[in-house]
Amino acid sequence: MSTKSKAKPFLIRRNTDHEAMQKALGHSTASEAGGVHAAQAPSVPLAQQVVHGPETDINDLQVGVVYDVPLNILQRSEFNARVFYSTEELDEMSKSLLSKGQDVPAVGYLKNGRITLVDGQKRYQAATNASLPTLKVLIAQAPANECEEYEESRRINLTRSSQTALDDAVRWKSMIDKGTYASQSELALKLNVSEGNVSKTISITAIPERLLRMMSDHAQTRTLSIAYEVSRIFSAAKFKEAPDDAAYLAQEVIDEIKKKDMGRNQVKSLIDSKLEGPKQRMRAEAMPVKYGEVKGTLKVFPSRGQLELSFSGLPEDKVNELKERVEQMLAGHLPK
């Protein structure tokens, strides 16, 4: 008779690293804790607690306490201000976690039986990449609403200078589409930015996410000014029925920007030239003519509104004669 193996309980341990806890609580590095509600929590005791999943409700975790939490209990916040992380920064974080451990706990709150991270998603992804079993997480009070969750996350990331226009673009459009913010005007007011900036930033989402991720890896292509220029490719009339062609051209442009480290004006000129295509050389309509026995050429440039009549080898008297006839014709006095 076969026996079924029991499911292994998950373990959440109260962390005993006092220095890390104080950092998470904002006592020494407030910018890392990001000023979330848990920053006002009481000092954390140094006792260790082991919580067995099937026997203990996850909702019993205490606000203001740092726990070693299994990664499979964590989830990303859909309102985190950052969307893109470069491969390089994730690799560096993974190496740091493996060699030095986690200095600053992530911050999360309880939601639907899991812990939603409001700060520390890069640490979470790096820990996942490094196959680490747990992440230190400070339990915080749940935000009052989605707007508060996003605005706090954005404030933290801006303080660290890690957020980009690409992150703003994706998240702003998503929250306006969802109704988290009723309009671009409301979002601009809440974030204290201009409506023009919001509109310009959201226009970046015309670029497919695959390309946005490519752009997030380079300092130049993740700036608002250059990302906006790249987005113009997708609004060009010539690509209205050919989005794949637009994406192909955009990737070509992105690669060139990275290779040459181009500035905004250079990028604008490059994209203008790509959209306009090669300039067409003006071709004249030429026809042979004769005046007497001498052959000449009449050239017409319709698009320029230009006409040229030329002869070579006319006798002097014939030159004067032709000149007078042309003048009479133009004056309307040419004999019939």
Protein backbone atom coordinates (compact mmCIF):
# COMPACT_ATOMS: atom_id res chain seq x y z
CA MET A 1 0.00 0.00 0.00
CA SER A 2 1.57 3.23 -1.12
CA THR A 3 1.70 6.24 1.17
CA LYS A 4 1.45 9.82 0.01
CA SER A 5 4.28 12.10 1.07
CA LYS A 6 3.23 15.06 3.15
CA ALA A 7 3.60 18.52 1.63
CA LYS A 8 6.53 20.35 3.11
CA PRO A 9 5.47 23.32 5.24
CA PHE A 10 6.92 26.66 4.27
CA LEU A 11 9.01 28.34 6.93
CA ILE A 12 8.92 32.02 7.69
CA ARG A 13 11.62 32.95 10.18
CA ARG A 14 11.76 36.16 12.15
CA ASN A 15 15.10 37.65 11.13
CA THR A 16 17.61 38.34 13.90
CA ASP A 17 19.89 40.72 12.02
CA HIS A 18 19.31 43.82 14.16
CA GLU A 19 21.28 46.14 11.85
CA ALA A 20 19.27 45.07 8.81
CA MET A 21 16.05 45.51 10.74
CA GLN A 22 16.99 49.02 11.79
CA LYS A 23 17.77 49.89 8.17
CA ALA A 24 14.42 48.54 7.08
CA LEU A 25 12.69 50.49 9.83
CA GLY A 26 14.36 53.67 8.70
CA HIS A 27 16.53 54.16 11.77
CA SER A 28 19.76 54.48 9.79
CA THR A 29 18.88 54.44 6.10
CA ALA A 30 15.42 55.95 5.72
CA SER A 31 15.71 56.15 1.96
CA GLU A 32 15.99 52.38 1.76
CA ALA A 33 12.83 51.85 3.80
CA GLY A 34 11.13 54.46 1.64
CA GLY A 35 9.11 55.95 4.49
CA VAL A 36 6.40 53.26 4.37
CA HIS A 37 4.00 52.88 7.30
CA ALA A 38 6.17 50.23 8.94
CA ALA A 39 8.87 52.84 9.54
CA GLN A 40 6.93 53.87 12.65
CA ALA A 41 6.87 50.33 14.01
CA PRO A 42 8.36 49.61 17.44
CA SER A 43 11.88 48.26 17.74
CA VAL A 44 12.13 44.62 16.76
CA PRO A 45 12.98 41.99 19.40
CA LEU A 46 15.88 39.70 18.61
CA ALA A 47 14.04 36.45 19.26
CA GLN A 48 13.66 33.98 16.41
CA GLN A 49 10.27 32.69 15.36
CA VAL A 50 9.56 29.75 13.05
CA VAL A 51 6.12 29.67 11.44
CA HIS A 52 4.85 26.42 9.88
CA GLY A 53 2.65 27.13 6.86
CA PRO A 54 -0.17 24.56 7.13
CA GLU A 55 -0.52 25.16 10.87
CA THR A 56 -0.16 28.94 10.99
CA ASP A 57 -2.14 31.59 9.15
CA ILE A 58 0.14 33.89 7.19
CA ASN A 59 -2.05 36.75 8.36
CA ASP A 60 -0.55 36.33 11.84
CA LEU A 61 2.72 37.91 10.67
CA GLN A 62 3.38 41.11 12.57
CA VAL A 63 3.74 44.57 11.05
CA GLY A 64 7.17 46.03 11.78
CA VAL A 65 8.94 42.67 11.94
CA VAL A 66 11.54 41.41 9.45
CA TYR A 67 11.09 37.79 8.34
CA ASP A 68 13.02 35.39 6.11
CA VAL A 69 10.27 34.65 3.61
CA PRO A 70 10.30 31.83 1.01
CA LEU A 71 10.27 33.30 -2.49
CA ASN A 72 7.17 31.38 -3.53
CA ILE A 73 5.10 33.33 -1.00
CA LEU A 74 6.17 36.67 -2.43
CA GLN A 75 4.54 38.48 -5.33
CA ARG A 76 5.33 41.65 -7.25
CA SER A 77 3.13 44.68 -6.88
CA GLU A 78 1.43 45.61 -10.14
CA PHE A 79 1.75 49.23 -9.03
CA ASN A 80 5.50 49.21 -8.50
CA ALA A 81 6.96 52.25 -10.22
CA ARG A 82 9.74 50.31 -11.92
CA VAL A 83 8.95 47.99 -14.79
CA PHE A 84 12.34 47.36 -16.41
CA TYR A 85 15.58 46.15 -14.86
CA SER A 86 18.70 45.75 -16.94
CA THR A 87 20.35 42.36 -17.13
CA GLU A 88 23.56 43.92 -15.83
CA GLU A 89 22.05 45.34 -12.64
CA LEU A 90 20.19 42.09 -11.88
CA ASP A 91 23.40 40.10 -12.36
CA GLU A 92 25.28 42.44 -10.03
CA MET A 93 22.54 42.16 -7.40
CA SER A 94 22.51 38.35 -7.65
CA LYS A 95 26.29 38.19 -7.16
CA SER A 96 26.05 40.55 -4.17
CA LEU A 97 23.29 38.49 -2.53
CA LEU A 98 25.30 35.29 -3.01
CA SER A 99 28.61 36.69 -1.76
CA LYS A 100 27.58 39.24 0.88
CA GLY A 101 24.00 38.44 1.73
CA GLN A 102 21.06 40.82 1.87
CA ASP A 103 21.89 44.09 3.65
CA VAL A 104 18.52 45.81 3.42
CA PRO A 105 15.19 43.96 3.73
CA ALA A 106 12.50 44.34 1.12
CA VAL A 107 9.17 45.80 2.26
CA GLY A 108 5.84 44.07 1.72
CA TYR A 109 2.30 43.76 3.01
CA LEU A 110 -0.16 40.89 3.33
CA LYS A 111 -2.60 40.46 0.47
CA ASN A 112 -4.71 37.42 -0.43
CA GLY A 113 -2.55 34.99 1.50
CA ARG A 114 0.73 36.21 0.05
CA ILE A 115 3.18 39.05 0.66
CA THR A 116 3.08 41.79 -1.96
CA LEU A 117 6.35 43.68 -2.32
CA VAL A 118 6.11 47.46 -2.44
CA ASP A 119 9.89 47.87 -2.29
CA GLY A 120 12.59 45.36 -3.19
CA GLN A 121 11.40 43.84 -6.45
CA LYS A 122 14.91 43.98 -7.88
CA ARG A 123 16.18 42.07 -4.83
CA TYR A 124 13.36 39.57 -5.30
CA GLN A 125 14.17 39.02 -8.99
CA ALA A 126 17.90 38.80 -8.27
CA ALA A 127 17.27 36.27 -5.48
CA THR A 128 15.12 34.22 -7.87
CA ASN A 129 17.85 34.33 -10.52
CA ALA A 130 20.41 33.21 -7.94
CA SER A 131 18.13 30.33 -6.77
CA LEU A 132 18.10 31.61 -3.20
CA PRO A 133 15.37 30.10 -1.00
CA THR A 134 14.29 33.17 0.95
CA LEU A 135 14.31 36.96 1.07
CA LYS A 136 14.34 39.21 4.12
CA VAL A 137 11.09 41.17 4.16
CA LEU A 138 9.84 43.83 6.55
CA ILE A 139 6.08 43.48 6.98
CA ALA A 140 4.34 46.84 6.54
CA GLN A 141 0.77 48.02 6.77
CA ALA A 142 -1.15 47.70 3.51
CA PRO A 143 -1.40 50.95 1.53
CA ALA A 144 -4.74 52.75 1.67
CA ASN A 145 -5.29 52.45 -2.08
CA GLU A 146 -3.59 51.76 -5.39
CA CYS A 147 -2.64 55.41 -5.96
CA GLU A 148 -0.85 55.55 -2.61
CA GLU A 149 0.98 52.30 -3.36
CA TYR A 150 2.24 53.58 -6.71
CA GLU A 151 3.11 57.09 -5.50
CA GLU A 152 5.14 55.75 -2.57
CA SER A 153 6.98 53.32 -4.84
CA ARG A 154 7.74 56.08 -7.33
CA ARG A 155 9.04 58.37 -4.59
CA ILE A 156 11.40 55.64 -3.34
CA ASN A 157 12.73 54.85 -6.82
CA LEU A 158 13.22 58.49 -7.78
CA THR A 159 15.26 58.98 -4.60
CA ARG A 160 17.53 56.15 -5.75
CA SER A 161 17.79 57.58 -9.29
CA SER A 162 16.98 54.15 -10.70
CA GLN A 163 13.65 54.85 -12.36
CA THR A 164 13.36 55.78 -16.02
CA ALA A 165 10.89 57.34 -18.41
CA LEU A 166 10.21 53.86 -19.79
CA ASP A 167 8.98 52.70 -16.38
CA ASP A 168 6.76 55.78 -16.10
CA ALA A 169 5.34 55.27 -19.57
CA VAL A 170 4.24 51.67 -19.05
CA ARG A 171 2.92 52.15 -15.54
CA TRP A 172 1.10 55.45 -16.21
CA LYS A 173 -0.73 54.08 -19.24
CA SER A 174 -1.68 50.91 -17.37
CA MET A 175 -3.10 52.79 -14.39
CA ILE A 176 -5.04 55.29 -16.52
CA ASP A 177 -6.47 52.43 -18.63
CA LYS A 178 -7.45 50.63 -15.45
CA GLY A 179 -9.01 53.74 -13.92
CA THR A 180 -6.60 54.02 -10.99
CA TYR A 181 -6.20 57.60 -12.16
CA ALA A 182 -9.23 59.02 -13.94
CA SER A 183 -7.19 60.98 -16.48
CA GLN A 184 -3.77 62.23 -17.46
CA SER A 185 -4.66 65.50 -15.73
CA GLU A 186 -5.29 63.78 -12.39
CA LEU A 187 -2.08 61.79 -12.64
CA ALA A 188 -0.11 64.94 -13.48
CA LEU A 189 -1.63 66.74 -10.49
CA LYS A 190 -0.91 63.87 -8.07
CA LEU A 191 2.71 63.46 -9.23
CA ASN A 192 3.36 67.20 -9.59
CA VAL A 193 4.44 66.96 -13.23
CA SER A 194 3.10 68.79 -16.28
CA GLU A 195 0.30 67.34 -18.39
CA GLY A 196 2.55 67.75 -21.41
CA ASN A 197 5.17 65.57 -19.76
CA VAL A 198 2.56 62.91 -18.98
CA SER A 199 1.24 62.91 -22.55
CA LYS A 200 4.73 62.74 -24.05
CA THR A 201 5.77 59.97 -21.68
CA ILE A 202 2.70 57.83 -22.34
CA SER A 203 3.27 58.13 -26.10
CA ILE A 204 6.39 55.99 -25.58
CA THR A 205 4.13 52.97 -25.06
CA ALA A 206 3.61 52.89 -28.83
CA ILE A 207 6.96 51.08 -28.80
CA PRO A 208 6.51 47.29 -28.30
CA GLU A 209 7.58 46.02 -24.88
CA ARG A 210 10.25 43.81 -26.46
CA LEU A 211 12.00 46.93 -27.75
CA LEU A 212 11.41 48.88 -24.54
CA ARG A 213 13.34 46.20 -22.70
CA MET A 214 16.20 46.58 -25.18
CA MET A 215 16.13 50.33 -24.66
CA SER A 216 16.15 50.01 -20.87
CA ASP A 217 19.64 48.49 -21.03
CA HIS A 218 21.28 51.65 -22.39
CA ALA A 219 21.61 55.08 -20.77
CA GLN A 220 20.75 56.98 -23.95
CA THR A 221 17.79 54.96 -25.19
CA ARG A 222 16.00 55.01 -21.84
CA THR A 223 15.80 58.82 -21.66
CA LEU A 224 12.46 60.49 -22.37
CA SER A 225 13.73 62.69 -25.20
CA ILE A 226 15.25 59.85 -27.22
CA ALA A 227 12.52 57.31 -26.43
CA TYR A 228 9.95 59.85 -27.66
CA GLU A 229 11.83 60.24 -30.96
CA VAL A 230 11.87 56.45 -31.42
CA SER A 231 8.12 56.31 -30.70
CA ARG A 232 7.48 58.60 -33.70
CA ILE A 233 8.29 55.68 -35.97
CA PHE A 234 5.11 53.90 -34.84
CA SER A 235 2.85 56.88 -35.58
CA ALA A 236 4.22 57.40 -39.09
CA ALA A 237 1.55 57.08 -41.79
CA LYS A 238 3.74 54.77 -43.89
CA PHE A 239 3.62 52.12 -41.14
CA LYS A 240 -0.09 52.35 -40.34
CA GLU A 241 -0.74 49.00 -42.00
CA ALA A 242 2.74 47.56 -41.39
CA PRO A 243 3.55 47.47 -37.65
CA ASP A 244 6.17 44.76 -38.13
CA ASP A 245 8.07 47.00 -40.53
CA ALA A 246 7.92 49.81 -37.95
CA ALA A 247 9.35 47.50 -35.28
CA TYR A 248 12.13 46.37 -37.62
CA LEU A 249 13.10 49.97 -38.38
CA ALA A 250 12.92 50.92 -34.69
CA GLN A 251 15.25 48.09 -33.71
CA GLU A 252 17.67 49.19 -36.41
CA VAL A 253 17.57 52.75 -35.04
CA ILE A 254 17.98 51.59 -31.41
CA ASP A 255 21.04 49.54 -32.34
CA GLU A 256 22.58 52.53 -34.11
CA ILE A 257 21.89 54.84 -31.16
CA LYS A 258 23.63 52.42 -28.81
CA LYS A 259 26.56 51.85 -31.13
CA LYS A 260 27.22 55.55 -31.74
CA ASP A 261 25.95 56.86 -28.38
CA MET A 262 23.84 59.39 -30.24
CA GLY A 263 22.24 62.50 -28.76
CA ARG A 264 18.65 63.63 -29.18
CA ASN A 265 19.23 65.88 -32.21
CA GLN A 266 21.21 63.17 -33.97
CA VAL A 267 18.45 60.65 -33.30
CA LYS A 268 15.79 63.04 -34.59
CA SER A 269 17.72 63.61 -37.82
CA LEU A 270 18.31 59.88 -38.23
CA ILE A 271 14.63 59.03 -37.79
CA ASP A 272 13.51 61.88 -40.07
CA SER A 273 15.78 60.55 -42.80
CA LYS A 274 14.52 56.98 -42.30
CA LEU A 275 10.88 58.07 -42.48
CA GLU A 276 11.35 60.31 -45.51
CA GLY A 277 13.43 57.75 -47.37
CA PRO A 278 16.17 58.61 -49.88
CA LYS A 279 15.67 61.93 -51.60
CA GLN A 280 14.56 61.63 -55.18
CA ARG A 281 16.86 63.25 -57.71
CA MET A 282 15.09 65.83 -59.85
CA ARG A 283 14.94 64.56 -63.40
CA ALA A 284 14.31 66.92 -66.29
CA GLU A 285 12.11 66.21 -69.28
CA ALA A 286 14.54 66.78 -72.19
CA MET A 287 13.65 66.96 -75.84
CA PRO A 288 15.79 67.73 -78.91
CA VAL A 289 14.98 70.90 -80.89
CA LYS A 290 16.41 72.63 -84.00
CA TYR A 291 16.79 76.25 -84.97
CA GLY A 292 17.67 76.30 -88.58
CA GLU A 293 20.21 73.56 -88.99
CA VAL A 294 21.58 73.83 -85.47
CA LYS A 295 20.45 71.26 -82.91
CA GLY A 296 19.66 72.19 -79.33
CA THR A 297 17.91 70.88 -76.20
CA LEU A 298 14.79 71.99 -74.37
CA LYS A 299 14.78 70.88 -70.70
CA VAL A 300 11.70 71.12 -68.48
CA PHE A 301 11.70 70.62 -64.66
CA PRO A 302 7.96 70.55 -63.81
CA SER A 303 8.40 70.23 -60.03
CA ARG A 304 10.77 73.20 -60.01
CA GLY A 305 8.78 75.26 -62.46
CA GLN A 306 11.95 75.56 -64.53
CA LEU A 307 12.58 75.54 -68.30
CA GLU A 308 15.95 75.68 -70.11
CA LEU A 309 16.62 76.14 -73.82
CA SER A 310 20.17 75.68 -75.04
CA PHE A 311 22.01 75.67 -78.35
CA SER A 312 25.64 75.24 -79.13
CA GLY A 313 27.25 76.50 -82.36
CA LEU A 314 24.64 79.10 -83.40
CA PRO A 315 26.06 81.93 -85.57
CA GLU A 316 25.97 85.29 -83.82
CA ASP A 317 23.21 86.67 -86.06
CA LYS A 318 21.08 83.60 -85.38
CA VAL A 319 21.59 84.03 -81.62
CA ASN A 320 20.26 87.59 -81.82
CA GLU A 321 17.43 86.51 -84.08
CA LEU A 322 16.38 83.71 -81.72
CA LYS A 323 16.58 86.04 -78.75
CA GLU A 324 14.22 88.53 -80.44
CA ARG A 325 11.75 85.81 -81.40
CA VAL A 326 11.67 84.45 -77.85
CA GLU A 327 11.12 87.95 -76.45
CA GLN A 328 8.31 88.60 -78.96
CA MET A 329 6.69 85.27 -78.11
CA LEU A 330 6.76 86.01 -74.41
CA ALA A 331 5.36 89.46 -75.04
CA GLY A 332 2.62 88.00 -77.21
CA HIS A 333 3.83 89.72 -80.41
CA LEU A 334 5.11 86.72 -82.31
CA PRO A 335 3.81 86.79 -85.93
CA LYS A 336 1.58 83.91 -86.80
